[in-house]
């Protein structure tokens, strides 16, 4: 009889741990990418010259979707200036760049599109 009780106790503990793990995983998944769940994006870019049609690309660790002159990207791990330089290198001159709704200033855009873009983008 003791074995049955111990077996039930272990089984209920395992069920509790499994339920806690599943709940944690689901709640993390719901909060990990709220911008995309709401239809927004982490990065927003306006290119100086529109692309021909819609394009998708992964540049470093950011997934990009572009349509014409507008590109939207998922959250990355690099600084905004580095991400901007990589976008400029891949898609062409950037007219505006925003990260989490905060736009790069004129100096940041000049660095993004400048001659040092290729050096910054390679890091």
Protein backbone atom coordinates (compact mmCIF):
# COMPACT_ATOMS: atom_id res chain seq x y z
CA UNK A 1 0.00 0.00 0.00
CA UNK A 2 2.91 2.34 0.71
CA UNK A 3 4.22 1.84 -2.81
CA UNK A 4 0.87 2.88 -4.31
CA UNK A 5 0.78 6.03 -2.17
CA UNK A 6 4.38 6.90 -3.08
CA UNK A 7 3.65 6.24 -6.75
CA UNK A 8 0.57 8.51 -6.66
CA UNK A 9 2.54 11.21 -4.82
CA UNK A 10 5.32 11.13 -7.41
CA UNK A 11 2.80 11.15 -10.23
CA UNK A 12 0.97 14.16 -8.82
CA UNK A 13 4.26 16.00 -8.34
CA UNK A 14 5.24 15.24 -11.92
CA UNK A 15 1.85 16.47 -13.16
CA UNK A 16 2.26 19.70 -11.17
CA UNK A 17 5.76 20.31 -12.55
CA UNK A 18 4.58 19.60 -16.10
CA UNK A 19 1.62 21.98 -15.72
CA UNK A 20 3.90 24.69 -14.33
CA UNK A 21 6.34 24.24 -17.22
CA UNK A 22 3.60 24.40 -19.86
CA UNK A 23 2.07 27.49 -18.22
CA UNK A 24 5.43 29.24 -18.12
CA UNK A 25 6.19 28.37 -21.74
CA UNK A 26 2.80 29.65 -22.91
CA UNK A 27 3.05 32.89 -20.98
CA UNK A 28 6.59 33.50 -22.26
CA UNK A 29 5.47 32.88 -25.84
CA UNK A 30 2.66 35.39 -25.46
CA UNK A 31 5.01 38.13 -24.22
CA UNK A 32 8.15 37.36 -26.25
CA UNK A 33 7.00 39.17 -29.40
CA UNK A 34 4.15 41.54 -28.53
CA UNK A 35 5.01 43.89 -31.40
CA UNK A 36 4.35 41.24 -34.02
CA UNK A 37 1.26 39.97 -32.19
CA UNK A 38 -0.17 43.48 -32.40
CA UNK A 39 0.78 43.79 -36.08
CA UNK A 40 3.67 46.19 -35.40
CA UNK A 41 7.41 45.79 -35.66
CA UNK A 42 10.52 46.53 -33.63
CA UNK A 43 12.38 48.32 -36.45
CA UNK A 44 10.78 50.52 -39.10
CA UNK A 45 12.73 51.79 -42.08
CA UNK A 46 11.97 54.08 -45.00
CA UNK A 47 14.39 53.57 -47.88
CA UNK A 48 15.45 56.47 -50.08
CA UNK A 49 14.74 54.38 -53.19
CA UNK A 50 11.84 51.90 -53.23
CA UNK A 51 12.61 48.25 -53.90
CA UNK A 52 11.03 46.43 -56.82
CA UNK A 53 8.13 44.61 -55.17
CA UNK A 54 7.97 42.88 -51.81
CA UNK A 55 11.11 41.30 -50.39
CA UNK A 56 11.99 39.36 -47.27
CA UNK A 57 15.46 38.80 -45.89
CA UNK A 58 17.30 37.95 -42.72
CA UNK A 59 20.08 40.45 -42.13
CA UNK A 60 22.28 39.27 -39.26
CA UNK A 61 19.72 38.30 -36.63
CA UNK A 62 16.79 40.44 -37.85
CA UNK A 63 14.01 39.18 -40.12
CA UNK A 64 12.96 41.93 -42.54
CA UNK A 65 9.84 42.35 -44.67
CA UNK A 66 10.02 45.13 -47.24
CA UNK A 67 7.40 46.45 -49.62
CA UNK A 68 8.48 49.31 -51.83
CA UNK A 69 10.31 51.83 -49.66
CA UNK A 70 8.98 50.53 -46.32
CA UNK A 71 10.76 47.82 -44.35
CA UNK A 72 9.84 46.34 -40.99
CA UNK A 73 12.05 44.13 -38.88
CA UNK A 74 11.92 41.88 -35.85
CA UNK A 75 13.91 42.63 -32.72
CA UNK A 76 17.64 42.05 -32.94
CA UNK A 77 20.51 42.07 -30.49
CA UNK A 78 22.67 44.83 -32.02
CA UNK A 79 22.55 48.57 -31.42
CA UNK A 80 20.15 50.51 -33.66
CA UNK A 81 23.03 52.20 -35.50
CA UNK A 82 24.57 48.85 -36.41
CA UNK A 83 21.22 47.43 -37.56
CA UNK A 84 20.64 50.56 -39.68
CA UNK A 85 24.06 50.23 -41.33
CA UNK A 86 23.37 46.59 -42.16
CA UNK A 87 19.99 47.50 -43.68
CA UNK A 88 21.63 50.23 -45.77
CA UNK A 89 24.24 47.77 -46.95
CA UNK A 90 21.59 45.19 -47.93
CA UNK A 91 18.74 47.36 -49.31
CA UNK A 92 20.27 50.77 -50.10
CA UNK A 93 20.23 54.25 -48.61
CA UNK A 94 18.02 54.68 -45.55
CA UNK A 95 15.82 57.82 -45.40
CA UNK A 96 14.53 57.13 -41.87
CA UNK A 97 15.14 54.48 -39.24
CA UNK A 98 13.24 53.89 -36.01
CA UNK A 99 13.82 51.38 -33.25
CA UNK A 100 10.94 50.83 -30.78
CA UNK A 101 9.35 54.00 -32.18
CA UNK A 102 12.45 56.15 -31.57
CA UNK A 103 13.91 57.59 -34.76
CA UNK A 104 17.61 58.00 -35.42
CA UNK A 105 18.62 61.65 -35.58
CA UNK A 106 20.30 63.25 -38.62
CA UNK A 107 23.77 62.38 -37.33
CA UNK A 108 22.77 58.75 -36.76
CA UNK A 109 21.33 58.50 -40.29
CA UNK A 110 24.47 60.07 -41.77
CA UNK A 111 26.58 57.42 -40.02
CA UNK A 112 24.13 54.73 -41.11
CA UNK A 113 24.46 55.72 -44.78
CA UNK A 114 28.06 56.95 -44.64
CA UNK A 115 31.26 55.52 -46.02
CA UNK A 116 31.87 53.68 -42.75
CA UNK A 117 28.63 51.72 -43.21
CA UNK A 118 30.36 48.65 -44.57
CA UNK A 119 32.82 48.56 -41.67
CA UNK A 120 30.06 48.93 -39.06
CA UNK A 121 27.79 46.45 -40.80
CA UNK A 122 30.45 43.72 -40.83
CA UNK A 123 30.82 43.62 -37.04
